[in-house]
């Protein structure tokens, strides 16, 4: 199965969802919907969030898992927070 594209290949803008189909009954829902916040993150950022959650929110444990320094991991988290914060 193909990965869901989130970035336009032409202009690099964020894509939106315009159609959903039920594989059981072929119901079609059409409109223009934003992707959920988590899906707007690139795969690397999604994996970071999943690891952060499974680490109990411990940046120290995350730094150890990733083999990076605590400040580097903190900066990675800050970048993700900035990306998903609707007021940014």
PDB file of N, CA and C in Angstrom:
ATOM      1  N   UNK A   1       0.835  -1.178   0.000  1.00  0.00           N
ATOM      2  CA  UNK A   1       0.000   0.000   0.000  1.00  0.00           C
ATOM      3  C   UNK A   1       0.884   1.247   0.000  1.00  0.00           C
ATOM      4  N   UNK A   2       0.465   2.247  -0.732  1.00  0.00           N
ATOM      5  CA  UNK A   2       1.232   3.483  -0.826  1.00  0.00           C
ATOM      6  C   UNK A   2       1.059   4.330   0.432  1.00  0.00           C
ATOM      7  N   UNK A   3       2.098   5.122   0.733  1.00  0.00           N
ATOM      8  CA  UNK A   3       2.017   6.059   1.847  1.00  0.00           C
ATOM      9  C   UNK A   3       1.121   7.230   1.446  1.00  0.00           C
ATOM     10  N   UNK A   4       0.421   7.785   2.422  1.00  0.00           N
ATOM     11  CA  UNK A   4      -0.418   8.952   2.199  1.00  0.00           C
ATOM     12  C   UNK A   4       0.479  10.160   1.962  1.00  0.00           C
ATOM     13  N   UNK A   5       0.373  10.796   0.796  1.00  0.00           N
ATOM     14  CA  UNK A   5       1.190  11.991   0.569  1.00  0.00           C
ATOM     15  C   UNK A   5       0.639  13.146   1.394  1.00  0.00           C
ATOM     16  N   UNK A   6       1.533  13.951   1.950  1.00  0.00           N
ATOM     17  CA  UNK A   6       1.102  15.097   2.748  1.00  0.00           C
ATOM     18  C   UNK A   6       1.597  16.426   2.176  1.00  0.00           C
ATOM     19  N   UNK A   7       2.534  16.347   1.225  1.00  0.00           N
ATOM     20  CA  UNK A   7       3.114  17.543   0.615  1.00  0.00           C
ATOM     21  C   UNK A   7       2.876  17.494  -0.893  1.00  0.00           C
ATOM     22  N   UNK A   8       2.453  18.631  -1.465  1.00  0.00           N
ATOM     23  CA  UNK A   8       2.230  18.721  -2.904  1.00  0.00           C
ATOM     24  C   UNK A   8       3.563  18.566  -3.632  1.00  0.00           C
ATOM     25  N   UNK A   9       3.627  17.669  -4.621  1.00  0.00           N
ATOM     26  CA  UNK A   9       4.884  17.478  -5.352  1.00  0.00           C
ATOM     27  C   UNK A   9       5.237  18.657  -6.253  1.00  0.00           C
ATOM     28  N   UNK A  10       4.270  19.530  -6.531  1.00  0.00           N
ATOM     29  CA  UNK A  10       4.544  20.676  -7.408  1.00  0.00           C
ATOM     30  C   UNK A  10       5.007  21.912  -6.646  1.00  0.00           C
ATOM     31  N   UNK A  11       4.236  22.295  -5.612  1.00  0.00           N
ATOM     32  CA  UNK A  11       4.535  23.555  -4.929  1.00  0.00           C
ATOM     33  C   UNK A  11       4.956  23.379  -3.472  1.00  0.00           C
ATOM     34  N   UNK A  12       4.965  22.139  -2.980  1.00  0.00           N
ATOM     35  CA  UNK A  12       5.370  21.797  -1.626  1.00  0.00           C
ATOM     36  C   UNK A  12       4.449  22.342  -0.527  1.00  0.00           C
ATOM     37  N   UNK A  13       3.206  22.687  -0.887  1.00  0.00           N
ATOM     38  CA  UNK A  13       2.212  23.077   0.112  1.00  0.00           C
ATOM     39  C   UNK A  13       1.650  21.822   0.767  1.00  0.00           C
ATOM     40  N   UNK A  14       1.018  21.992   1.936  1.00  0.00           N
ATOM     41  CA  UNK A  14       0.388  20.874   2.615  1.00  0.00           C
ATOM     42  C   UNK A  14      -0.883  20.483   1.875  1.00  0.00           C
ATOM     43  N   UNK A  15      -1.036  19.188   1.619  1.00  0.00           N
ATOM     44  CA  UNK A  15      -2.228  18.699   0.935  1.00  0.00           C
ATOM     45  C   UNK A  15      -3.396  18.593   1.908  1.00  0.00           C
ATOM     46  N   UNK A  16      -4.618  18.579   1.382  1.00  0.00           N
ATOM     47  CA  UNK A  16      -5.808  18.340   2.187  1.00  0.00           C
ATOM     48  C   UNK A  16      -6.507  17.106   1.638  1.00  0.00           C
ATOM     49  N   UNK A  17      -7.397  16.554   2.441  1.00  0.00           N
ATOM     50  CA  UNK A  17      -8.165  15.376   2.027  1.00  0.00           C
ATOM     51  C   UNK A  17      -9.414  15.872   1.312  1.00  0.00           C
ATOM     52  N   UNK A  18      -9.725  15.301   0.158  1.00  0.00           N
ATOM     53  CA  UNK A  18     -10.922  15.735  -0.560  1.00  0.00           C
ATOM     54  C   UNK A  18     -11.940  14.616  -0.759  1.00  0.00           C
ATOM     55  N   UNK A  19     -11.533  13.365  -0.527  1.00  0.00           N
ATOM     56  CA  UNK A  19     -12.467  12.273  -0.751  1.00  0.00           C
ATOM     57  C   UNK A  19     -12.105  11.084   0.135  1.00  0.00           C
ATOM     58  N   UNK A  20     -13.109  10.488   0.753  1.00  0.00           N
ATOM     59  CA  UNK A  20     -12.945   9.267   1.536  1.00  0.00           C
ATOM     60  C   UNK A  20     -13.967   8.266   1.017  1.00  0.00           C
ATOM     61  N   UNK A  21     -13.551   7.016   0.881  1.00  0.00           N
ATOM     62  CA  UNK A  21     -14.433   5.971   0.367  1.00  0.00           C
ATOM     63  C   UNK A  21     -14.461   4.795   1.327  1.00  0.00           C
ATOM     64  N   UNK A  22     -15.668   4.262   1.580  1.00  0.00           N
ATOM     65  CA  UNK A  22     -15.815   3.076   2.419  1.00  0.00           C
ATOM     66  C   UNK A  22     -15.606   1.836   1.556  1.00  0.00           C
ATOM     67  N   UNK A  23     -14.631   0.978   1.894  1.00  0.00           N
ATOM     68  CA  UNK A  23     -14.385  -0.211   1.080  1.00  0.00           C
ATOM     69  C   UNK A  23     -15.493  -1.261   1.214  1.00  0.00           C
ATOM     70  N   UNK A  24     -16.320  -1.172   2.243  1.00  0.00           N
ATOM     71  CA  UNK A  24     -17.386  -2.155   2.442  1.00  0.00           C
ATOM     72  C   UNK A  24     -18.623  -1.859   1.605  1.00  0.00           C
ATOM     73  N   UNK A  25     -19.074  -0.599   1.626  1.00  0.00           N
ATOM     74  CA  UNK A  25     -20.336  -0.280   0.945  1.00  0.00           C
ATOM     75  C   UNK A  25     -20.197   0.755  -0.163  1.00  0.00           C
ATOM     76  N   UNK A  26     -18.992   1.187  -0.432  1.00  0.00           N
ATOM     77  CA  UNK A  26     -18.708   2.180  -1.480  1.00  0.00           C
ATOM     78  C   UNK A  26     -19.302   3.568  -1.221  1.00  0.00           C
ATOM     79  N   UNK A  27     -19.637   3.868   0.035  1.00  0.00           N
ATOM     80  CA  UNK A  27     -20.079   5.225   0.366  1.00  0.00           C
ATOM     81  C   UNK A  27     -18.914   6.173   0.115  1.00  0.00           C
ATOM     82  N   UNK A  28     -19.219   7.321  -0.445  1.00  0.00           N
ATOM     83  CA  UNK A  28     -18.206   8.324  -0.766  1.00  0.00           C
ATOM     84  C   UNK A  28     -18.518   9.599   0.007  1.00  0.00           C
ATOM     85  N   UNK A  29     -17.532  10.127   0.697  1.00  0.00           N
ATOM     86  CA  UNK A  29     -17.658  11.399   1.392  1.00  0.00           C
ATOM     87  C   UNK A  29     -16.686  12.348   0.709  1.00  0.00           C
ATOM     88  N   UNK A  30     -17.189  13.458   0.215  1.00  0.00           N
ATOM     89  CA  UNK A  30     -16.347  14.410  -0.503  1.00  0.00           C
ATOM     90  C   UNK A  30     -16.424  15.777   0.154  1.00  0.00           C
ATOM     91  N   UNK A  31     -15.349  16.495   0.107  1.00  0.00           N
ATOM     92  CA  UNK A  31     -15.264  17.835   0.676  1.00  0.00           C
ATOM     93  C   UNK A  31     -13.809  18.256   0.686  1.00  0.00           C
ATOM     94  N   UNK A  32     -13.480  19.237   1.471  1.00  0.00           N
ATOM     95  CA  UNK A  32     -12.098  19.683   1.584  1.00  0.00           C
ATOM     96  C   UNK A  32     -11.750  19.728   3.063  1.00  0.00           C
ATOM     97  N   UNK A  33     -11.014  18.722   3.544  1.00  0.00           N
ATOM     98  CA  UNK A  33     -10.715  18.559   4.953  1.00  0.00           C
ATOM     99  C   UNK A  33      -9.222  18.605   5.193  1.00  0.00           C
ATOM    100  N   UNK A  34      -8.840  19.227   6.317  1.00  0.00           N
ATOM    101  CA  UNK A  34      -7.432  19.230   6.709  1.00  0.00           C
ATOM    102  C   UNK A  34      -7.039  17.843   7.199  1.00  0.00           C
ATOM    103  N   UNK A  35      -5.792  17.491   6.984  1.00  0.00           N
ATOM    104  CA  UNK A  35      -5.270  16.258   7.553  1.00  0.00           C
ATOM    105  C   UNK A  35      -5.196  16.416   9.068  1.00  0.00           C
ATOM    106  N   UNK A  36      -5.408  15.334   9.822  1.00  0.00           N
ATOM    107  CA  UNK A  36      -5.212  15.425  11.272  1.00  0.00           C
ATOM    108  C   UNK A  36      -3.772  15.861  11.576  1.00  0.00           C
ATOM    109  N   UNK A  37      -3.591  16.513  12.701  1.00  0.00           N
ATOM    110  CA  UNK A  37      -2.290  17.084  13.076  1.00  0.00           C
ATOM    111  C   UNK A  37      -1.170  16.058  12.961  1.00  0.00           C
ATOM    112  N   UNK A  38      -1.370  14.867  13.499  1.00  0.00           N
ATOM    113  CA  UNK A  38      -0.324  13.852  13.494  1.00  0.00           C
ATOM    114  C   UNK A  38       0.088  13.479  12.067  1.00  0.00           C
ATOM    115  N   UNK A  39      -0.877  13.449  11.153  1.00  0.00           N
ATOM    116  CA  UNK A  39      -0.565  13.087   9.768  1.00  0.00           C
ATOM    117  C   UNK A  39       0.115  14.216   9.000  1.00  0.00           C
ATOM    118  N   UNK A  40       0.109  15.415   9.546  1.00  0.00           N
ATOM    119  CA  UNK A  40       0.805  16.528   8.893  1.00  0.00           C
ATOM    120  C   UNK A  40       2.300  16.513   9.173  1.00  0.00           C
ATOM    121  N   UNK A  41       2.715  15.647  10.095  1.00  0.00           N
ATOM    122  CA  UNK A  41       4.138  15.505  10.401  1.00  0.00           C
ATOM    123  C   UNK A  41       4.764  14.531   9.428  1.00  0.00           C
ATOM    124  N   UNK A  42       6.024  14.748   9.099  1.00  0.00           N
ATOM    125  CA  UNK A  42       6.733  13.783   8.255  1.00  0.00           C
ATOM    126  C   UNK A  42       6.955  12.505   9.062  1.00  0.00           C
ATOM    127  N   UNK A  43       7.269  11.421   8.377  1.00  0.00           N
ATOM    128  CA  UNK A  43       7.400  10.118   9.032  1.00  0.00           C
ATOM    129  C   UNK A  43       8.391  10.139  10.200  1.00  0.00           C
ATOM    130  N   UNK A  44       9.509  10.800  10.034  1.00  0.00           N
ATOM    131  CA  UNK A  44      10.532  10.885  11.101  1.00  0.00           C
ATOM    132  C   UNK A  44       9.960  11.560  12.350  1.00  0.00           C
ATOM    133  N   UNK A  45       9.167  12.615  12.143  1.00  0.00           N
ATOM    134  CA  UNK A  45       8.558  13.316  13.277  1.00  0.00           C
ATOM    135  C   UNK A  45       7.489  12.452  13.942  1.00  0.00           C
ATOM    136  N   UNK A  46       6.736  11.705  13.146  1.00  0.00           N
ATOM    137  CA  UNK A  46       5.725  10.797  13.701  1.00  0.00           C
ATOM    138  C   UNK A  46       6.383   9.737  14.579  1.00  0.00           C
ATOM    139  N   UNK A  47       7.501   9.177  14.098  1.00  0.00           N
ATOM    140  CA  UNK A  47       8.217   8.178  14.886  1.00  0.00           C
ATOM    141  C   UNK A  47       8.761   8.780  16.181  1.00  0.00           C
ATOM    142  N   UNK A  48       9.229  10.009  16.114  1.00  0.00           N
ATOM    143  CA  UNK A  48       9.718  10.686  17.312  1.00  0.00           C
ATOM    144  C   UNK A  48       8.594  10.800  18.338  1.00  0.00           C
ATOM    145  N   UNK A  49       7.401  11.242  17.900  1.00  0.00           N
ATOM    146  CA  UNK A  49       6.263  11.400  18.808  1.00  0.00           C
ATOM    147  C   UNK A  49       5.880  10.056  19.420  1.00  0.00           C
ATOM    148  N   UNK A  50       5.837   8.999  18.604  1.00  0.00           N
ATOM    149  CA  UNK A  50       5.506   7.669  19.124  1.00  0.00           C
ATOM    150  C   UNK A  50       6.528   7.205  20.157  1.00  0.00           C
ATOM    151  N   UNK A  51       7.805   7.397  19.867  1.00  0.00           N
ATOM    152  CA  UNK A  51       8.859   7.023  20.817  1.00  0.00           C
ATOM    153  C   UNK A  51       8.782   7.852  22.090  1.00  0.00           C
ATOM    154  N   UNK A  52       8.443   9.125  21.942  1.00  0.00           N
ATOM    155  CA  UNK A  52       8.311  10.001  23.102  1.00  0.00           C
ATOM    156  C   UNK A  52       7.190   9.513  24.015  1.00  0.00           C
ATOM    157  N   UNK A  53       6.075   9.140  23.417  1.00  0.00           N
ATOM    158  CA  UNK A  53       4.939   8.643  24.199  1.00  0.00           C
ATOM    159  C   UNK A  53       5.293   7.331  24.887  1.00  0.00           C
ATOM    160  N   UNK A  54       5.912   6.407  24.151  1.00  0.00           N
ATOM    161  CA  UNK A  54       6.247   5.109  24.747  1.00  0.00           C
ATOM    162  C   UNK A  54       7.388   5.216  25.762  1.00  0.00           C
ATOM    163  N   UNK A  55       8.099   6.333  25.741  1.00  0.00           N
ATOM    164  CA  UNK A  55       9.142   6.585  26.738  1.00  0.00           C
ATOM    165  C   UNK A  55       8.562   7.278  27.964  1.00  0.00           C
ATOM    166  N   UNK A  56       7.253   7.398  28.003  1.00  0.00           N
ATOM    167  CA  UNK A  56       6.620   8.063  29.130  1.00  0.00           C
ATOM    168  C   UNK A  56       6.892   9.552  29.176  1.00  0.00           C
ATOM    169  N   UNK A  57       7.236  10.127  28.025  1.00  0.00           N
ATOM    170  CA  UNK A  57       7.497  11.559  27.972  1.00  0.00           C
ATOM    171  C   UNK A  57       8.863  11.945  28.516  1.00  0.00           C
ATOM    172  N   UNK A  58       9.765  10.981  28.635  1.00  0.00           N
ATOM    173  CA  UNK A  58      11.096  11.254  29.182  1.00  0.00           C
ATOM    174  C   UNK A  58      12.072  11.617  28.056  1.00  0.00           C
ATOM    175  N   UNK A  59      12.483  12.879  28.040  1.00  0.00           N
ATOM    176  CA  UNK A  59      13.465  13.296  27.045  1.00  0.00           C
ATOM    177  C   UNK A  59      14.820  12.647  27.301  1.00  0.00           C
ATOM    178  N   UNK A  60      15.126  12.400  28.560  1.00  0.00           N
ATOM    179  CA  UNK A  60      16.380  11.726  28.909  1.00  0.00           C
ATOM    180  C   UNK A  60      16.415  10.329  28.297  1.00  0.00           C
ATOM    181  N   UNK A  61      15.289   9.600  28.426  1.00  0.00           N
ATOM    182  CA  UNK A  61      15.211   8.256  27.833  1.00  0.00           C
ATOM    183  C   UNK A  61      15.248   8.333  26.310  1.00  0.00           C
ATOM    184  N   UNK A  62      14.586   9.332  25.744  1.00  0.00           N
ATOM    185  CA  UNK A  62      14.601   9.521  24.291  1.00  0.00           C
ATOM    186  C   UNK A  62      16.028   9.776  23.796  1.00  0.00           C
ATOM    187  N   UNK A  63      16.759  10.612  24.497  1.00  0.00           N
ATOM    188  CA  UNK A  63      18.139  10.918  24.107  1.00  0.00           C
ATOM    189  C   UNK A  63      18.969   9.647  24.105  1.00  0.00           C
ATOM    190  N   UNK A  64      18.769   8.814  25.113  1.00  0.00           N
ATOM    191  CA  UNK A  64      19.495   7.547  25.196  1.00  0.00           C
ATOM    192  C   UNK A  64      19.125   6.620  24.037  1.00  0.00           C
ATOM    193  N   UNK A  65      17.831   6.497  23.759  1.00  0.00           N
ATOM    194  CA  UNK A  65      17.367   5.641  22.656  1.00  0.00           C
ATOM    195  C   UNK A  65      17.918   6.091  21.308  1.00  0.00           C
ATOM    196  N   UNK A  66      17.927   7.411  21.109  1.00  0.00           N
ATOM    197  CA  UNK A  66      18.354   7.963  19.815  1.00  0.00           C
ATOM    198  C   UNK A  66      19.862   8.154  19.710  1.00  0.00           C
ATOM    199  N   UNK A  67      20.562   8.034  20.832  1.00  0.00           N
ATOM    200  CA  UNK A  67      22.007   8.255  20.819  1.00  0.00           C
ATOM    201  C   UNK A  67      22.356   9.705  20.557  1.00  0.00           C
ATOM    202  N   UNK A  68      21.498  10.602  21.047  1.00  0.00           N
ATOM    203  CA  UNK A  68      21.714  12.039  20.861  1.00  0.00           C
ATOM    204  C   UNK A  68      21.759  12.711  22.235  1.00  0.00           C
ATOM    205  N   UNK A  69      22.219  13.943  22.248  1.00  0.00           N
ATOM    206  CA  UNK A  69      22.274  14.678  23.514  1.00  0.00           C
ATOM    207  C   UNK A  69      20.874  15.144  23.911  1.00  0.00           C
ATOM    208  N   UNK A  70      20.706  15.383  25.205  1.00  0.00           N
ATOM    209  CA  UNK A  70      19.424  15.887  25.712  1.00  0.00           C
ATOM    210  C   UNK A  70      19.016  17.188  25.004  1.00  0.00           C
ATOM    211  N   UNK A  71      19.927  18.179  24.871  1.00  0.00           N
ATOM    212  CA  UNK A  71      19.528  19.429  24.196  1.00  0.00           C
ATOM    213  C   UNK A  71      19.092  19.205  22.739  1.00  0.00           C
ATOM    214  N   UNK A  72      19.729  18.268  22.054  1.00  0.00           N
ATOM    215  CA  UNK A  72      19.344  17.973  20.673  1.00  0.00           C
ATOM    216  C   UNK A  72      17.929  17.419  20.623  1.00  0.00           C
ATOM    217  N   UNK A  73      17.618  16.485  21.516  1.00  0.00           N
ATOM    218  CA  UNK A  73      16.280  15.890  21.569  1.00  0.00           C
ATOM    219  C   UNK A  73      15.260  16.943  21.975  1.00  0.00           C
ATOM    220  N   UNK A  74      15.615  17.807  22.914  1.00  0.00           N
ATOM    221  CA  UNK A  74      14.712  18.893  23.322  1.00  0.00           C
ATOM    222  C   UNK A  74      14.411  19.800  22.143  1.00  0.00           C
ATOM    223  N   UNK A  75      15.438  20.115  21.332  1.00  0.00           N
ATOM    224  CA  UNK A  75      15.248  20.949  20.143  1.00  0.00           C
ATOM    225  C   UNK A  75      14.346  20.257  19.117  1.00  0.00           C
ATOM    226  N   UNK A  76      14.506  18.934  18.974  1.00  0.00           N
ATOM    227  CA  UNK A  76      13.648  18.179  18.055  1.00  0.00           C
ATOM    228  C   UNK A  76      12.196  18.287  18.503  1.00  0.00           C
ATOM    229  N   UNK A  77      11.961  18.122  19.795  1.00  0.00           N
ATOM    230  CA  UNK A  77      10.604  18.234  20.330  1.00  0.00           C
ATOM    231  C   UNK A  77      10.067  19.648  20.134  1.00  0.00           C
ATOM    232  N   UNK A  78      10.893  20.650  20.409  1.00  0.00           N
ATOM    233  CA  UNK A  78      10.461  22.043  20.229  1.00  0.00           C
ATOM    234  C   UNK A  78      10.082  22.320  18.776  1.00  0.00           C
ATOM    235  N   UNK A  79      10.833  21.759  17.827  1.00  0.00           N
ATOM    236  CA  UNK A  79      10.519  21.937  16.404  1.00  0.00           C
ATOM    237  C   UNK A  79       9.157  21.330  16.058  1.00  0.00           C
ATOM    238  N   UNK A  80       8.872  20.162  16.609  1.00  0.00           N
ATOM    239  CA  UNK A  80       7.580  19.514  16.357  1.00  0.00           C
ATOM    240  C   UNK A  80       6.451  20.317  16.994  1.00  0.00           C
ATOM    241  N   UNK A  81       6.669  20.789  18.212  1.00  0.00           N
ATOM    242  CA  UNK A  81       5.660  21.608  18.891  1.00  0.00           C
ATOM    243  C   UNK A  81       5.366  22.858  18.079  1.00  0.00           C
ATOM    244  N   UNK A  82       6.391  23.503  17.572  1.00  0.00           N
ATOM    245  CA  UNK A  82       6.217  24.705  16.753  1.00  0.00           C
ATOM    246  C   UNK A  82       5.446  24.384  15.477  1.00  0.00           C
ATOM    247  N   UNK A  83       5.717  23.240  14.900  1.00  0.00           N
ATOM    248  CA  UNK A  83       5.054  22.844  13.654  1.00  0.00           C
ATOM    249  C   UNK A  83       3.562  22.569  13.854  1.00  0.00           C
ATOM    250  N   UNK A  84       3.189  21.982  15.001  1.00  0.00           N
ATOM    251  CA  UNK A  84       1.782  21.626  15.201  1.00  0.00           C
ATOM    252  C   UNK A  84       0.994  22.697  15.949  1.00  0.00           C
ATOM    253  N   UNK A  85       1.673  23.674  16.512  1.00  0.00           N
ATOM    254  CA  UNK A  85       0.992  24.727  17.268  1.00  0.00           C
ATOM    255  C   UNK A  85       0.198  25.607  16.297  1.00  0.00           C
ATOM    256  N   UNK A  86      -1.131  25.661  16.463  1.00  0.00           N
ATOM    257  CA  UNK A  86      -1.946  26.414  15.507  1.00  0.00           C
ATOM    258  C   UNK A  86      -1.715  27.926  15.537  1.00  0.00           C
ATOM    259  N   UNK A  87      -1.078  28.446  16.573  1.00  0.00           N
ATOM    260  CA  UNK A  87      -0.841  29.890  16.660  1.00  0.00           C
ATOM    261  C   UNK A  87       0.487  30.299  16.034  1.00  0.00           C
ATOM    262  N   UNK A  88       1.256  29.301  15.549  1.00  0.00           N
ATOM    263  CA  UNK A  88       2.563  29.634  14.952  1.00  0.00           C
ATOM    264  C   UNK A  88       2.407  30.176  13.554  1.00  0.00           C
TER     265      UNK A  88
END
